[in-house]
Amino acid sequence: MEETTTIDCPYCNSETLVILDGVDGDLDLVSDCENCCRPINVKASVEDGAVVSIQAG
C-alpha cells in the first residue's frame, strides 16, 4: 500500500505530493518539487500505514 501526502516545498513554498512506500518505520527519501523541480529531503515516520510525522528540508 502506498501512502500519499502533501508538503510545502522549502524552496518555492508550493504544495507538492510525496508518495511514501507504506512500510512502517522511519523513511528517508528525496522527492522532487512538482513546481520548481528542486530535490527535497523528506524524513517521515509511518505507523500502521499512517504518516505520524513528516519533515521536509
N, C-alpha and C. Protein backbone atom coordinates (compact mmCIF):
# COMPACT_ATOMS: atom_id res chain seq x y z
N MET A 1 0.84 -1.18 0.00
CA MET A 1 0.00 0.00 0.00
C MET A 1 0.89 1.24 0.00
N GLU A 2 0.55 2.20 -0.84
CA GLU A 2 1.29 3.46 -0.87
C GLU A 2 0.50 4.53 -0.14
N GLU A 3 1.19 5.34 0.59
CA GLU A 3 0.59 6.47 1.31
C GLU A 3 1.04 7.73 0.61
N THR A 4 0.11 8.65 0.36
CA THR A 4 0.48 9.93 -0.25
C THR A 4 0.13 11.05 0.73
N THR A 5 0.92 12.09 0.66
CA THR A 5 0.69 13.27 1.49
C THR A 5 1.26 14.48 0.74
N THR A 6 0.85 15.65 1.13
CA THR A 6 1.41 16.86 0.51
C THR A 6 2.26 17.59 1.54
N ILE A 7 3.31 18.23 1.03
CA ILE A 7 4.19 19.05 1.86
C ILE A 7 4.39 20.37 1.15
N ASP A 8 4.86 21.37 1.88
CA ASP A 8 5.23 22.65 1.28
C ASP A 8 6.70 22.59 0.89
N CYS A 9 7.00 22.95 -0.34
CA CYS A 9 8.37 22.96 -0.83
C CYS A 9 9.15 24.01 -0.04
N PRO A 10 10.33 23.66 0.50
CA PRO A 10 11.12 24.64 1.24
C PRO A 10 11.76 25.71 0.34
N TYR A 11 11.74 25.50 -0.97
CA TYR A 11 12.36 26.45 -1.91
C TYR A 11 11.34 27.45 -2.48
N CYS A 12 10.20 26.94 -2.97
CA CYS A 12 9.24 27.83 -3.64
C CYS A 12 7.90 27.94 -2.91
N ASN A 13 7.74 27.22 -1.80
CA ASN A 13 6.54 27.26 -0.96
C ASN A 13 5.28 26.68 -1.59
N SER A 14 5.38 26.05 -2.75
CA SER A 14 4.19 25.44 -3.34
C SER A 14 3.96 24.06 -2.72
N GLU A 15 2.70 23.62 -2.72
CA GLU A 15 2.40 22.28 -2.24
C GLU A 15 2.86 21.27 -3.27
N THR A 16 3.45 20.18 -2.79
CA THR A 16 3.89 19.12 -3.69
C THR A 16 3.53 17.77 -3.08
N LEU A 17 3.22 16.83 -3.92
CA LEU A 17 2.81 15.50 -3.49
C LEU A 17 4.03 14.64 -3.20
N VAL A 18 3.98 13.90 -2.09
CA VAL A 18 5.02 12.95 -1.74
C VAL A 18 4.38 11.58 -1.62
N ILE A 19 4.98 10.59 -2.27
CA ILE A 19 4.48 9.22 -2.21
C ILE A 19 5.41 8.42 -1.31
N LEU A 20 4.85 7.85 -0.25
CA LEU A 20 5.60 7.01 0.68
C LEU A 20 5.29 5.56 0.35
N ASP A 21 6.21 4.67 0.60
CA ASP A 21 6.03 3.28 0.19
C ASP A 21 5.11 2.47 1.09
N GLY A 22 4.58 3.05 2.17
CA GLY A 22 3.62 2.37 3.01
C GLY A 22 4.22 1.42 4.03
N VAL A 23 5.54 1.33 4.08
CA VAL A 23 6.20 0.47 5.05
C VAL A 23 6.29 1.20 6.38
N ASP A 24 5.92 0.51 7.46
CA ASP A 24 6.03 1.12 8.78
C ASP A 24 7.48 1.37 9.15
N GLY A 25 7.71 2.45 9.88
CA GLY A 25 9.06 2.78 10.33
C GLY A 25 9.47 4.15 9.88
N ASP A 26 10.75 4.42 9.98
CA ASP A 26 11.30 5.72 9.59
C ASP A 26 11.77 5.67 8.14
N LEU A 27 11.38 6.67 7.37
CA LEU A 27 11.75 6.75 5.96
C LEU A 27 12.58 7.99 5.73
N ASP A 28 13.56 7.88 4.86
CA ASP A 28 14.41 8.99 4.48
C ASP A 28 14.53 8.93 2.96
N LEU A 29 13.92 9.90 2.26
CA LEU A 29 13.90 9.86 0.81
C LEU A 29 14.04 11.24 0.21
N VAL A 30 14.23 11.28 -1.09
CA VAL A 30 14.31 12.55 -1.83
C VAL A 30 13.16 12.58 -2.82
N SER A 31 12.40 13.68 -2.81
CA SER A 31 11.28 13.86 -3.71
C SER A 31 11.44 15.21 -4.41
N ASP A 32 11.26 15.23 -5.73
CA ASP A 32 11.38 16.49 -6.47
C ASP A 32 10.09 17.30 -6.36
N CYS A 33 10.22 18.61 -6.20
CA CYS A 33 9.07 19.51 -6.17
C CYS A 33 8.39 19.48 -7.54
N GLU A 34 7.07 19.41 -7.53
CA GLU A 34 6.31 19.39 -8.78
C GLU A 34 6.34 20.75 -9.48
N ASN A 35 6.63 21.82 -8.75
CA ASN A 35 6.62 23.16 -9.33
C ASN A 35 8.02 23.61 -9.78
N CYS A 36 8.99 23.60 -8.87
CA CYS A 36 10.32 24.12 -9.21
C CYS A 36 11.34 23.02 -9.52
N CYS A 37 10.96 21.76 -9.35
CA CYS A 37 11.78 20.58 -9.69
C CYS A 37 13.04 20.42 -8.84
N ARG A 38 13.16 21.16 -7.76
CA ARG A 38 14.33 21.01 -6.89
C ARG A 38 14.12 19.82 -5.96
N PRO A 39 15.19 19.11 -5.61
CA PRO A 39 15.07 17.94 -4.73
C PRO A 39 14.81 18.35 -3.28
N ILE A 40 13.89 17.65 -2.64
CA ILE A 40 13.52 17.91 -1.26
C ILE A 40 13.85 16.66 -0.45
N ASN A 41 14.63 16.81 0.60
CA ASN A 41 14.90 15.70 1.52
C ASN A 41 13.69 15.55 2.44
N VAL A 42 13.10 14.38 2.44
CA VAL A 42 11.91 14.12 3.23
C VAL A 42 12.21 13.03 4.24
N LYS A 43 11.89 13.30 5.51
CA LYS A 43 12.00 12.30 6.57
C LYS A 43 10.61 12.11 7.13
N ALA A 44 10.17 10.85 7.17
CA ALA A 44 8.82 10.56 7.63
C ALA A 44 8.83 9.38 8.58
N SER A 45 7.85 9.35 9.44
CA SER A 45 7.64 8.22 10.33
C SER A 45 6.24 7.68 10.06
N VAL A 46 6.16 6.37 9.78
CA VAL A 46 4.89 5.74 9.43
C VAL A 46 4.60 4.64 10.44
N GLU A 47 3.37 4.64 10.99
CA GLU A 47 2.93 3.60 11.91
C GLU A 47 1.57 3.10 11.48
N ASP A 48 1.43 1.80 11.38
CA ASP A 48 0.17 1.16 10.97
C ASP A 48 -0.34 1.73 9.65
N GLY A 49 0.57 2.04 8.72
CA GLY A 49 0.19 2.54 7.41
C GLY A 49 -0.19 4.01 7.35
N ALA A 50 -0.07 4.72 8.47
CA ALA A 50 -0.42 6.14 8.51
C ALA A 50 0.81 6.98 8.84
N VAL A 51 0.90 8.14 8.22
CA VAL A 51 2.01 9.05 8.46
C VAL A 51 1.84 9.69 9.83
N VAL A 52 2.82 9.49 10.71
CA VAL A 52 2.78 10.05 12.05
C VAL A 52 3.46 11.41 12.06
N SER A 53 4.61 11.52 11.39
CA SER A 53 5.30 12.79 11.30
C SER A 53 6.04 12.85 9.97
N ILE A 54 6.23 14.09 9.49
CA ILE A 54 6.95 14.29 8.24
C ILE A 54 7.67 15.62 8.31
N GLN A 55 8.93 15.62 7.84
CA GLN A 55 9.74 16.84 7.79
C GLN A 55 10.33 16.97 6.40
N ALA A 56 10.34 18.17 5.89
CA ALA A 56 10.92 18.44 4.57
C ALA A 56 11.99 19.50 4.72
N GLY A 57 13.12 19.26 4.07
CA GLY A 57 14.19 20.24 4.16
C GLY A 57 15.08 20.21 2.96
